[in-house]
PDB file of all heavy atoms in Angstrom:
ATOM      1  N   VAL A   1      41.322 -27.774 -28.874  1.00  0.00           N
ATOM      2  CA  VAL A   1      40.778 -26.859 -29.865  1.00  0.00           C
ATOM      3  C   VAL A   1      39.336 -27.231 -30.217  1.00  0.00           C
ATOM      4  O   VAL A   1      38.447 -26.380 -30.253  1.00  0.00           O
ATOM      5  CB  VAL A   1      41.652 -26.853 -31.141  1.00  0.00           C
ATOM      6  CG1 VAL A   1      40.987 -26.046 -32.240  1.00  0.00           C
ATOM      7  CG2 VAL A   1      43.021 -26.281 -30.835  1.00  0.00           C
ATOM      8  N   VAL A   2      39.107 -28.530 -30.456  1.00  0.00           N
ATOM      9  CA  VAL A   2      37.792 -28.977 -30.916  1.00  0.00           C
ATOM     10  C   VAL A   2      36.722 -28.789 -29.843  1.00  0.00           C
ATOM     11  O   VAL A   2      35.646 -28.231 -30.111  1.00  0.00           O
ATOM     12  CB  VAL A   2      37.859 -30.452 -31.359  1.00  0.00           C
ATOM     13  CG1 VAL A   2      36.465 -30.974 -31.675  1.00  0.00           C
ATOM     14  CG2 VAL A   2      38.749 -30.592 -32.586  1.00  0.00           C
ATOM     15  N   LEU A   3      36.986 -29.238 -28.631  1.00  0.00           N
ATOM     16  CA  LEU A   3      35.957 -29.178 -27.600  1.00  0.00           C
ATOM     17  C   LEU A   3      35.602 -27.745 -27.193  1.00  0.00           C
ATOM     18  O   LEU A   3      34.422 -27.384 -27.164  1.00  0.00           O
ATOM     19  CB  LEU A   3      36.381 -30.000 -26.385  1.00  0.00           C
ATOM     20  CG  LEU A   3      36.432 -31.516 -26.616  1.00  0.00           C
ATOM     21  CD1 LEU A   3      36.751 -32.239 -25.325  1.00  0.00           C
ATOM     22  CD2 LEU A   3      35.119 -32.023 -27.187  1.00  0.00           C
ATOM     23  N   PRO A   4      36.586 -26.877 -26.870  1.00  0.00           N
ATOM     24  CA  PRO A   4      36.206 -25.485 -26.596  1.00  0.00           C
ATOM     25  C   PRO A   4      35.537 -24.815 -27.785  1.00  0.00           C
ATOM     26  O   PRO A   4      34.654 -23.966 -27.612  1.00  0.00           O
ATOM     27  CB  PRO A   4      37.542 -24.810 -26.262  1.00  0.00           C
ATOM     28  CG  PRO A   4      38.397 -25.912 -25.769  1.00  0.00           C
ATOM     29  CD  PRO A   4      38.013 -27.109 -26.582  1.00  0.00           C
ATOM     30  N   GLY A   5      35.943 -25.188 -29.005  1.00  0.00           N
ATOM     31  CA  GLY A   5      35.290 -24.619 -30.190  1.00  0.00           C
ATOM     32  C   GLY A   5      33.814 -24.957 -30.220  1.00  0.00           C
ATOM     33  O   GLY A   5      32.964 -24.104 -30.506  1.00  0.00           O
ATOM     34  N   ARG A   6      33.477 -26.202 -29.929  1.00  0.00           N
ATOM     35  CA  ARG A   6      32.073 -26.604 -29.876  1.00  0.00           C
ATOM     36  C   ARG A   6      31.362 -25.987 -28.673  1.00  0.00           C
ATOM     37  O   ARG A   6      30.186 -25.655 -28.730  1.00  0.00           O
ATOM     38  CB  ARG A   6      31.967 -28.123 -29.824  1.00  0.00           C
ATOM     39  CG  ARG A   6      32.317 -28.812 -31.138  1.00  0.00           C
ATOM     40  CD  ARG A   6      32.064 -30.306 -31.054  1.00  0.00           C
ATOM     41  NE  ARG A   6      32.232 -30.939 -32.335  1.00  0.00           N
ATOM     42  CZ  ARG A   6      31.278 -31.040 -33.247  1.00  0.00           C
ATOM     43  NH1 ARG A   6      30.088 -30.525 -33.008  1.00  0.00           N
ATOM     44  NH2 ARG A   6      31.505 -31.653 -34.398  1.00  0.00           N
ATOM     45  N   MET A   7      32.083 -25.841 -27.582  1.00  0.00           N
ATOM     46  CA  MET A   7      31.480 -25.320 -26.361  1.00  0.00           C
ATOM     47  C   MET A   7      31.070 -23.862 -26.505  1.00  0.00           C
ATOM     48  O   MET A   7      30.014 -23.451 -26.025  1.00  0.00           O
ATOM     49  CB  MET A   7      32.460 -25.465 -25.191  1.00  0.00           C
ATOM     50  CG  MET A   7      32.688 -26.893 -24.724  1.00  0.00           C
ATOM     51  SD  MET A   7      34.101 -27.056 -23.603  1.00  0.00           S
ATOM     52  CE  MET A   7      33.619 -25.968 -22.264  1.00  0.00           C
ATOM     53  N   PHE A   8      31.905 -23.060 -27.171  1.00  0.00           N
ATOM     54  CA  PHE A   8      31.681 -21.615 -27.213  1.00  0.00           C
ATOM     55  C   PHE A   8      31.114 -21.111 -28.534  1.00  0.00           C
ATOM     56  O   PHE A   8      30.804 -19.929 -28.653  1.00  0.00           O
ATOM     57  CB  PHE A   8      32.995 -20.884 -26.914  1.00  0.00           C
ATOM     58  CG  PHE A   8      33.429 -20.989 -25.484  1.00  0.00           C
ATOM     59  CD1 PHE A   8      34.333 -21.969 -25.090  1.00  0.00           C
ATOM     60  CD2 PHE A   8      32.937 -20.119 -24.524  1.00  0.00           C
ATOM     61  CE1 PHE A   8      34.732 -22.079 -23.778  1.00  0.00           C
ATOM     62  CE2 PHE A   8      33.330 -20.219 -23.208  1.00  0.00           C
ATOM     63  CZ  PHE A   8      34.229 -21.207 -22.826  1.00  0.00           C
ATOM     64  N   ARG A   9      30.996 -21.992 -29.519  1.00  0.00           N
ATOM     65  CA  ARG A   9      30.543 -21.544 -30.850  1.00  0.00           C
ATOM     66  C   ARG A   9      29.162 -20.891 -30.779  1.00  0.00           C
ATOM     67  O   ARG A   9      28.958 -19.779 -31.287  1.00  0.00           O
ATOM     68  CB  ARG A   9      30.505 -22.723 -31.811  1.00  0.00           C
ATOM     69  CG  ARG A   9      29.964 -22.389 -33.195  1.00  0.00           C
ATOM     70  CD  ARG A   9      30.079 -23.583 -34.115  1.00  0.00           C
ATOM     71  NE  ARG A   9      29.390 -24.743 -33.585  1.00  0.00           N
ATOM     72  CZ  ARG A   9      28.075 -24.973 -33.751  1.00  0.00           C
ATOM     73  NH1 ARG A   9      27.343 -24.105 -34.434  1.00  0.00           N
ATOM     74  NH2 ARG A   9      27.511 -26.044 -33.250  1.00  0.00           N
ATOM     75  N   LEU A  10      28.209 -21.555 -30.155  1.00  0.00           N
ATOM     76  CA  LEU A  10      26.856 -21.017 -30.103  1.00  0.00           C
ATOM     77  C   LEU A  10      26.794 -19.732 -29.286  1.00  0.00           C
ATOM     78  O   LEU A  10      26.044 -18.805 -29.626  1.00  0.00           O
ATOM     79  CB  LEU A  10      25.905 -22.063 -29.522  1.00  0.00           C
ATOM     80  CG  LEU A  10      25.690 -23.319 -30.378  1.00  0.00           C
ATOM     81  CD1 LEU A  10      24.752 -24.290 -29.664  1.00  0.00           C
ATOM     82  CD2 LEU A  10      25.140 -22.951 -31.739  1.00  0.00           C
ATOM     83  N   GLU A  11      27.582 -19.666 -28.225  1.00  0.00           N
ATOM     84  CA  GLU A  11      27.569 -18.464 -27.392  1.00  0.00           C
ATOM     85  C   GLU A  11      28.142 -17.270 -28.147  1.00  0.00           C
ATOM     86  O   GLU A  11      27.634 -16.149 -28.047  1.00  0.00           O
ATOM     87  CB  GLU A  11      28.354 -18.697 -26.103  1.00  0.00           C
ATOM     88  CG  GLU A  11      28.301 -17.538 -25.120  1.00  0.00           C
ATOM     89  CD  GLU A  11      26.887 -17.209 -24.678  1.00  0.00           C
ATOM     90  OE1 GLU A  11      26.027 -18.104 -24.681  1.00  0.00           O
ATOM     91  OE2 GLU A  11      26.645 -16.031 -24.348  1.00  0.00           O
ATOM     92  N   PHE A  12      29.189 -17.482 -28.918  1.00  0.00           N
ATOM     93  CA  PHE A  12      29.739 -16.404 -29.744  1.00  0.00           C
ATOM     94  C   PHE A  12      28.711 -15.959 -30.773  1.00  0.00           C
ATOM     95  O   PHE A  12      28.578 -14.765 -31.059  1.00  0.00           O
ATOM     96  CB  PHE A  12      31.027 -16.873 -30.433  1.00  0.00           C
ATOM     97  CG  PHE A  12      32.270 -16.620 -29.624  1.00  0.00           C
ATOM     98  CD1 PHE A  12      32.455 -17.232 -28.400  1.00  0.00           C
ATOM     99  CD2 PHE A  12      33.257 -15.765 -30.090  1.00  0.00           C
ATOM    100  CE1 PHE A  12      33.604 -17.009 -27.652  1.00  0.00           C
ATOM    101  CE2 PHE A  12      34.406 -15.523 -29.358  1.00  0.00           C
ATOM    102  CZ  PHE A  12      34.579 -16.151 -28.127  1.00  0.00           C
ATOM    103  N   GLU A  13      27.966 -16.914 -31.348  1.00  0.00           N
ATOM    104  CA  GLU A  13      26.935 -16.565 -32.322  1.00  0.00           C
ATOM    105  C   GLU A  13      25.819 -15.766 -31.660  1.00  0.00           C
ATOM    106  O   GLU A  13      25.318 -14.788 -32.233  1.00  0.00           O
ATOM    107  CB  GLU A  13      26.375 -17.835 -32.961  1.00  0.00           C
ATOM    108  CG  GLU A  13      27.340 -18.535 -33.899  1.00  0.00           C
ATOM    109  CD  GLU A  13      26.739 -19.799 -34.482  1.00  0.00           C
ATOM    110  OE1 GLU A  13      25.586 -20.147 -34.113  1.00  0.00           O
ATOM    111  OE2 GLU A  13      27.409 -20.454 -35.308  1.00  0.00           O
ATOM    112  N   ARG A  14      25.401 -16.166 -30.470  1.00  0.00           N
ATOM    113  CA  ARG A  14      24.322 -15.458 -29.763  1.00  0.00           C
ATOM    114  C   ARG A  14      24.699 -14.007 -29.482  1.00  0.00           C
ATOM    115  O   ARG A  14      23.848 -13.119 -29.483  1.00  0.00           O
ATOM    116  CB  ARG A  14      23.996 -16.164 -28.444  1.00  0.00           C
ATOM    117  CG  ARG A  14      23.310 -17.512 -28.586  1.00  0.00           C
ATOM    118  CD  ARG A  14      22.772 -17.985 -27.248  1.00  0.00           C
ATOM    119  NE  ARG A  14      22.316 -19.358 -27.303  1.00  0.00           N
ATOM    120  CZ  ARG A  14      22.994 -20.400 -26.846  1.00  0.00           C
ATOM    121  NH1 ARG A  14      24.177 -20.190 -26.277  1.00  0.00           N
ATOM    122  NH2 ARG A  14      22.521 -21.611 -26.927  1.00  0.00           N
ATOM    123  N   ARG A  15      25.978 -13.796 -29.236  1.00  0.00           N
ATOM    124  CA  ARG A  15      26.425 -12.445 -28.895  1.00  0.00           C
ATOM    125  C   ARG A  15      26.853 -11.644 -30.126  1.00  0.00           C
ATOM    126  O   ARG A  15      27.331 -10.530 -29.994  1.00  0.00           O
ATOM    127  CB  ARG A  15      27.581 -12.522 -27.894  1.00  0.00           C
ATOM    128  CG  ARG A  15      27.192 -13.208 -26.593  1.00  0.00           C
ATOM    129  CD  ARG A  15      28.245 -13.035 -25.537  1.00  0.00           C
ATOM    130  NE  ARG A  15      27.877 -13.706 -24.303  1.00  0.00           N
ATOM    131  CZ  ARG A  15      28.253 -13.316 -23.101  1.00  0.00           C
ATOM    132  NH1 ARG A  15      29.000 -12.238 -22.977  1.00  0.00           N
ATOM    133  NH2 ARG A  15      27.904 -13.990 -22.027  1.00  0.00           N
ATOM    134  N   GLY A  16      26.684 -12.213 -31.290  1.00  0.00           N
ATOM    135  CA  GLY A  16      27.005 -11.496 -32.519  1.00  0.00           C
ATOM    136  C   GLY A  16      28.481 -11.331 -32.774  1.00  0.00           C
ATOM    137  O   GLY A  16      28.897 -10.423 -33.498  1.00  0.00           O
ATOM    138  N   LEU A  17      29.293 -12.208 -32.210  1.00  0.00           N
ATOM    139  CA  LEU A  17      30.742 -12.141 -32.397  1.00  0.00           C
ATOM    140  C   LEU A  17      31.141 -13.006 -33.593  1.00  0.00           C
ATOM    141  O   LEU A  17      30.616 -14.098 -33.781  1.00  0.00           O
ATOM    142  CB  LEU A  17      31.457 -12.626 -31.138  1.00  0.00           C
ATOM    143  CG  LEU A  17      31.189 -11.801 -29.874  1.00  0.00           C
ATOM    144  CD1 LEU A  17      31.815 -12.478 -28.667  1.00  0.00           C
ATOM    145  CD2 LEU A  17      31.714 -10.384 -30.029  1.00  0.00           C
ATOM    146  N   PRO A  18      32.071 -12.540 -34.428  1.00  0.00           N
ATOM    147  CA  PRO A  18      32.440 -13.280 -35.647  1.00  0.00           C
ATOM    148  C   PRO A  18      33.137 -14.594 -35.314  1.00  0.00           C
ATOM    149  O   PRO A  18      33.890 -14.678 -34.333  1.00  0.00           O
ATOM    150  CB  PRO A  18      33.384 -12.319 -36.375  1.00  0.00           C
ATOM    151  CG  PRO A  18      33.929 -11.434 -35.296  1.00  0.00           C
ATOM    152  CD  PRO A  18      32.826 -11.283 -34.285  1.00  0.00           C
ATOM    153  N   PRO A  19      32.935 -15.630 -36.123  1.00  0.00           N
ATOM    154  CA  PRO A  19      33.587 -16.928 -35.885  1.00  0.00           C
ATOM    155  C   PRO A  19      35.110 -16.827 -35.875  1.00  0.00           C
ATOM    156  O   PRO A  19      35.774 -17.583 -35.161  1.00  0.00           O
ATOM    157  CB  PRO A  19      33.096 -17.793 -37.052  1.00  0.00           C
ATOM    158  CG  PRO A  19      31.824 -17.150 -37.511  1.00  0.00           C
ATOM    159  CD  PRO A  19      32.011 -15.681 -37.270  1.00  0.00           C
ATOM    160  N   ARG A  20      35.671 -15.907 -36.669  1.00  0.00           N
ATOM    161  CA  ARG A  20      37.132 -15.785 -36.711  1.00  0.00           C
ATOM    162  C   ARG A  20      37.698 -15.344 -35.360  1.00  0.00           C
ATOM    163  O   ARG A  20      38.860 -15.632 -35.054  1.00  0.00           O
ATOM    164  CB  ARG A  20      37.553 -14.823 -37.809  1.00  0.00           C
ATOM    165  CG  ARG A  20      37.110 -13.395 -37.617  1.00  0.00           C
ATOM    166  CD  ARG A  20      37.621 -12.508 -38.755  1.00  0.00           C
ATOM    167  NE  ARG A  20      37.190 -11.136 -38.610  1.00  0.00           N
ATOM    168  CZ  ARG A  20      36.044 -10.651 -39.036  1.00  0.00           C
ATOM    169  NH1 ARG A  20      35.195 -11.459 -39.665  1.00  0.00           N
ATOM    170  NH2 ARG A  20      35.713  -9.385 -38.864  1.00  0.00           N
ATOM    171  N   LEU A  21      36.889 -14.651 -34.558  1.00  0.00           N
ATOM    172  CA  LEU A  21      37.351 -14.247 -33.239  1.00  0.00           C
ATOM    173  C   LEU A  21      37.504 -15.469 -32.340  1.00  0.00           C
ATOM    174  O   LEU A  21      38.482 -15.585 -31.594  1.00  0.00           O
ATOM    175  CB  LEU A  21      36.367 -13.255 -32.614  1.00  0.00           C
ATOM    176  CG  LEU A  21      36.709 -12.756 -31.207  1.00  0.00           C
ATOM    177  CD1 LEU A  21      38.058 -12.056 -31.202  1.00  0.00           C
ATOM    178  CD2 LEU A  21      35.625 -11.821 -30.689  1.00  0.00           C
ATOM    179  N   LEU A  22      36.552 -16.392 -32.416  1.00  0.00           N
ATOM    180  CA  LEU A  22      36.664 -17.640 -31.658  1.00  0.00           C
ATOM    181  C   LEU A  22      37.848 -18.459 -32.147  1.00  0.00           C
ATOM    182  O   LEU A  22      38.596 -19.023 -31.343  1.00  0.00           O
ATOM    183  CB  LEU A  22      35.369 -18.439 -31.778  1.00  0.00           C
ATOM    184  CG  LEU A  22      35.366 -19.827 -31.119  1.00  0.00           C
ATOM    185  CD1 LEU A  22      35.664 -19.724 -29.633  1.00  0.00           C
ATOM    186  CD2 LEU A  22      34.029 -20.530 -31.353  1.00  0.00           C
ATOM    187  N   SER A  23      38.033 -18.518 -33.474  1.00  0.00           N
ATOM    188  CA  SER A  23      39.150 -19.267 -34.032  1.00  0.00           C
ATOM    189  C   SER A  23      40.479 -18.699 -33.535  1.00  0.00           C
ATOM    190  O   SER A  23      41.385 -19.455 -33.148  1.00  0.00           O
ATOM    191  CB  SER A  23      39.085 -19.224 -35.563  1.00  0.00           C
ATOM    192  OG  SER A  23      40.203 -19.850 -36.139  1.00  0.00           O
ATOM    193  N   ARG A  24      40.593 -17.385 -33.533  1.00  0.00           N
ATOM    194  CA  ARG A  24      41.836 -16.753 -33.080  1.00  0.00           C
ATOM    195  C   ARG A  24      42.042 -16.998 -31.578  1.00  0.00           C
ATOM    196  O   ARG A  24      43.162 -17.254 -31.126  1.00  0.00           O
ATOM    197  CB  ARG A  24      41.778 -15.250 -33.363  1.00  0.00           C
ATOM    198  CG  ARG A  24      42.993 -14.475 -32.879  1.00  0.00           C
ATOM    199  CD  ARG A  24      44.278 -14.999 -33.523  1.00  0.00           C
ATOM    200  NE  ARG A  24      45.457 -14.358 -32.978  1.00  0.00           N
ATOM    201  CZ  ARG A  24      46.014 -13.277 -33.507  1.00  0.00           C
ATOM    202  NH1 ARG A  24      45.498 -12.731 -34.585  1.00  0.00           N
ATOM    203  NH2 ARG A  24      47.103 -12.758 -32.978  1.00  0.00           N
ATOM    204  N   THR A  25      40.981 -16.953 -30.807  1.00  0.00           N
ATOM    205  CA  THR A  25      41.084 -17.189 -29.373  1.00  0.00           C
ATOM    206  C   THR A  25      41.553 -18.613 -29.089  1.00  0.00           C
ATOM    207  O   THR A  25      42.407 -18.837 -28.221  1.00  0.00           O
ATOM    208  CB  THR A  25      39.723 -16.944 -28.701  1.00  0.00           C
ATOM    209  OG1 THR A  25      39.294 -15.599 -28.951  1.00  0.00           O
ATOM    210  CG2 THR A  25      39.808 -17.164 -27.203  1.00  0.00           C
ATOM    211  N   LEU A  26      41.002 -19.588 -29.819  1.00  0.00           N
ATOM    212  CA  LEU A  26      41.416 -20.977 -29.633  1.00  0.00           C
ATOM    213  C   LEU A  26      42.871 -21.176 -30.065  1.00  0.00           C
ATOM    214  O   LEU A  26      43.611 -21.942 -29.442  1.00  0.00           O
ATOM    215  CB  LEU A  26      40.497 -21.907 -30.429  1.00  0.00           C
ATOM    216  CG  LEU A  26      39.036 -21.933 -29.993  1.00  0.00           C
ATOM    217  CD1 LEU A  26      38.220 -22.804 -30.936  1.00  0.00           C
ATOM    218  CD2 LEU A  26      38.906 -22.420 -28.564  1.00  0.00           C
ATOM    219  N   GLY A  27      43.266 -20.476 -31.125  1.00  0.00           N
ATOM    220  CA  GLY A  27      44.650 -20.574 -31.562  1.00  0.00           C
ATOM    221  C   GLY A  27      45.615 -20.002 -30.542  1.00  0.00           C
ATOM    222  O   GLY A  27      46.717 -20.532 -30.335  1.00  0.00           O
ATOM    223  N   ASP A  28      45.208 -18.916 -29.895  1.00  0.00           N
ATOM    224  CA  ASP A  28      46.067 -18.257 -28.912  1.00  0.00           C
ATOM    225  C   ASP A  28      46.108 -18.982 -27.571  1.00  0.00           C
ATOM    226  O   ASP A  28      46.873 -18.588 -26.685  1.00  0.00           O
ATOM    227  CB  ASP A  28      45.590 -16.820 -28.677  1.00  0.00           C
ATOM    228  CG  ASP A  28      45.889 -15.916 -29.861  1.00  0.00           C
ATOM    229  OD1 ASP A  28      46.702 -16.315 -30.706  1.00  0.00           O
ATOM    230  OD2 ASP A  28      45.292 -14.827 -29.957  1.00  0.00           O
ATOM    231  N   SER A  29      45.279 -20.004 -27.400  1.00  0.00           N
ATOM    232  CA  SER A  29      45.250 -20.731 -26.122  1.00  0.00           C
ATOM    233  C   SER A  29      45.472 -22.224 -26.323  1.00  0.00           C
ATOM    234  O   SER A  29      46.481 -22.776 -25.885  1.00  0.00           O
ATOM    235  CB  SER A  29      43.914 -20.493 -25.409  1.00  0.00           C
ATOM    236  OG  SER A  29      42.813 -20.890 -26.223  1.00  0.00           O
ATOM    237  N   GLY A  30      44.550 -22.875 -27.028  1.00  0.00           N
ATOM    238  CA  GLY A  30      44.640 -24.321 -27.162  1.00  0.00           C
ATOM    239  C   GLY A  30      45.807 -24.798 -27.998  1.00  0.00           C
ATOM    240  O   GLY A  30      46.338 -25.888 -27.767  1.00  0.00           O
ATOM    241  N   ILE A  31      46.243 -23.999 -28.969  1.00  0.00           N
ATOM    242  CA  ILE A  31      47.329 -24.434 -29.857  1.00  0.00           C
ATOM    243  C   ILE A  31      48.702 -24.099 -29.281  1.00  0.00           C
ATOM    244  O   ILE A  31      49.563 -24.973 -29.145  1.00  0.00           O
ATOM    245  CB  ILE A  31      47.172 -23.803 -31.249  1.00  0.00           C
ATOM    246  CG1 ILE A  31      45.915 -24.353 -31.935  1.00  0.00           C
ATOM    247  CG2 ILE A  31      48.398 -24.077 -32.106  1.00  0.00           C
ATOM    248  CD1 ILE A  31      45.649 -23.776 -33.301  1.00  0.00           C
ATOM    249  N   VAL A  32      48.920 -22.836 -28.940  1.00  0.00           N
ATOM    250  CA  VAL A  32      50.284 -22.420 -28.582  1.00  0.00           C
ATOM    251  C   VAL A  32      50.723 -22.907 -27.207  1.00  0.00           C
ATOM    252  O   VAL A  32      51.934 -22.963 -26.932  1.00  0.00           O
ATOM    253  CB  VAL A  32      50.420 -20.879 -28.661  1.00  0.00           C
ATOM    254  CG1 VAL A  32      50.100 -20.377 -30.051  1.00  0.00           C
ATOM    255  CG2 VAL A  32      49.535 -20.195 -27.629  1.00  0.00           C
ATOM    256  N   THR A  33      49.790 -23.252 -26.329  1.00  0.00           N
ATOM    257  CA  THR A  33      50.200 -23.708 -24.996  1.00  0.00           C
ATOM    258  C   THR A  33      50.397 -25.211 -24.916  1.00  0.00           C
ATOM    259  O   THR A  33      50.911 -25.710 -23.916  1.00  0.00           O
ATOM    260  CB  THR A  33      49.170 -23.282 -23.932  1.00  0.00           C
ATOM    261  OG1 THR A  33      47.885 -23.869 -24.241  1.00  0.00           O
ATOM    262  CG2 THR A  33      49.020 -21.762 -23.891  1.00  0.00           C
ATOM    263  N   ALA A  34      50.009 -25.949 -25.970  1.00  0.00           N
ATOM    264  CA  ALA A  34      50.146 -27.408 -25.934  1.00  0.00           C
ATOM    265  C   ALA A  34      51.592 -27.867 -25.740  1.00  0.00           C
ATOM    266  O   ALA A  34      51.852 -28.792 -24.961  1.00  0.00           O
ATOM    267  CB  ALA A  34      49.558 -28.016 -27.209  1.00  0.00           C
ATOM    268  N   PRO A  35      52.591 -27.252 -26.410  1.00  0.00           N
ATOM    269  CA  PRO A  35      53.978 -27.720 -26.215  1.00  0.00           C
ATOM    270  C   PRO A  35      54.538 -27.445 -24.830  1.00  0.00           C
ATOM    271  O   PRO A  35      55.614 -27.950 -24.494  1.00  0.00           O
ATOM    272  CB  PRO A  35      54.764 -26.929 -27.277  1.00  0.00           C
ATOM    273  CG  PRO A  35      53.748 -26.472 -28.267  1.00  0.00           C
ATOM    274  CD  PRO A  35      52.508 -26.242 -27.475  1.00  0.00           C
ATOM    275  N   LEU A  36      53.836 -26.653 -24.024  1.00  0.00           N
ATOM    276  CA  LEU A  36      54.339 -26.314 -22.700  1.00  0.00           C
ATOM    277  C   LEU A  36      53.940 -27.324 -21.642  1.00  0.00           C
ATOM    278  O   LEU A  36      54.435 -27.266 -20.511  1.00  0.00           O
ATOM    279  CB  LEU A  36      53.834 -24.917 -22.293  1.00  0.00           C
ATOM    280  CG  LEU A  36      54.141 -23.775 -23.271  1.00  0.00           C
ATOM    281  CD1 LEU A  36      53.593 -22.467 -22.721  1.00  0.00           C
ATOM    282  CD2 LEU A  36      55.633 -23.675 -23.546  1.00  0.00           C
ATOM    283  N   VAL A  37      53.035 -28.230 -21.978  1.00  0.00           N
ATOM    284  CA  VAL A  37      52.546 -29.237 -21.021  1.00  0.00           C
ATOM    285  C   VAL A  37      53.320 -30.531 -21.251  1.00  0.00           C
ATOM    286  O   VAL A  37      53.200 -31.146 -22.315  1.00  0.00           O
ATOM    287  CB  VAL A  37      51.036 -29.478 -21.202  1.00  0.00           C
ATOM    288  CG1 VAL A  37      50.534 -30.490 -20.180  1.00  0.00           C
ATOM    289  CG2 VAL A  37      50.275 -28.155 -21.071  1.00  0.00           C
ATOM    290  N   PRO A  38      54.125 -30.983 -20.289  1.00  0.00           N
ATOM    291  CA  PRO A  38      55.004 -32.141 -20.514  1.00  0.00           C
ATOM    292  C   PRO A  38      54.255 -33.410 -20.913  1.00  0.00           C
ATOM    293  O   PRO A  38      54.755 -34.197 -21.716  1.00  0.00           O
ATOM    294  CB  PRO A  38      55.716 -32.317 -19.167  1.00  0.00           C
ATOM    295  CG  PRO A  38      55.644 -30.970 -18.519  1.00  0.00           C
ATOM    296  CD  PRO A  38      54.336 -30.381 -18.956  1.00  0.00           C
ATOM    297  N   TRP A  39      53.062 -33.635 -20.332  1.00  0.00           N
ATOM    298  CA  TRP A  39      52.326 -34.865 -20.629  1.00  0.00           C
ATOM    299  C   TRP A  39      51.363 -34.715 -21.810  1.00  0.00           C
ATOM    300  O   TRP A  39      50.673 -35.653 -22.171  1.00  0.00           O
ATOM    301  CB  TRP A  39      51.550 -35.322 -19.394  1.00  0.00           C
ATOM    302  CG  TRP A  39      50.672 -34.261 -18.813  1.00  0.00           C
ATOM    303  CD1 TRP A  39      49.390 -33.951 -19.165  1.00  0.00           C
ATOM    304  CD2 TRP A  39      51.026 -33.354 -17.768  1.00  0.00           C
ATOM    305  NE1 TRP A  39      48.906 -32.919 -18.415  1.00  0.00           N
ATOM    306  CE2 TRP A  39      49.886 -32.532 -17.533  1.00  0.00           C
ATOM    307  CE3 TRP A  39      52.167 -33.162 -16.982  1.00  0.00           C
ATOM    308  CZ2 TRP A  39      49.875 -31.533 -16.567  1.00  0.00           C
ATOM    309  CZ3 TRP A  39      52.149 -32.169 -16.022  1.00  0.00           C
ATOM    310  CH2 TRP A  39      51.029 -31.374 -15.822  1.00  0.00           C
ATOM    311  N   ASN A  40      51.338 -33.525 -22.414  1.00  0.00           N
ATOM    312  CA  ASN A  40      50.558 -33.338 -23.632  1.00  0.00           C
ATOM    313  C   ASN A  40      51.306 -33.976 -24.803  1.00  0.00           C
ATOM    314  O   ASN A  40      52.528 -34.033 -24.813  1.00  0.00           O
ATOM    315  CB  ASN A  40      50.361 -31.837 -23.876  1.00  0.00           C
ATOM    316  CG  ASN A  40      49.369 -31.544 -24.985  1.00  0.00           C
ATOM    317  OD1 ASN A  40      49.661 -31.747 -26.150  1.00  0.00           O
ATOM    318  ND2 ASN A  40      48.199 -31.054 -24.615  1.00  0.00           N
ATOM    319  N   SER A  41      50.562 -34.468 -25.799  1.00  0.00           N
ATOM    320  CA  SER A  41      51.226 -35.116 -26.938  1.00  0.00           C
ATOM    321  C   SER A  41      52.195 -34.160 -27.635  1.00  0.00           C
ATOM    322  O   SER A  41      53.267 -34.578 -28.094  1.00  0.00           O
ATOM    323  CB  SER A  41      50.176 -35.628 -27.930  1.00  0.00           C
ATOM    324  OG  SER A  41      49.344 -34.574 -28.389  1.00  0.00           O
TER     325      SER A  41
END
């Protein structure tokens, strides 16, 4: 969540996209898929 958030934050700002859209995107990918990876914490 943290690294992609830092990676894409400026790009979302440059394109005029709201921060909540990035937050929702990270939630829909980095958060919900973590339990599906056996070696993930």
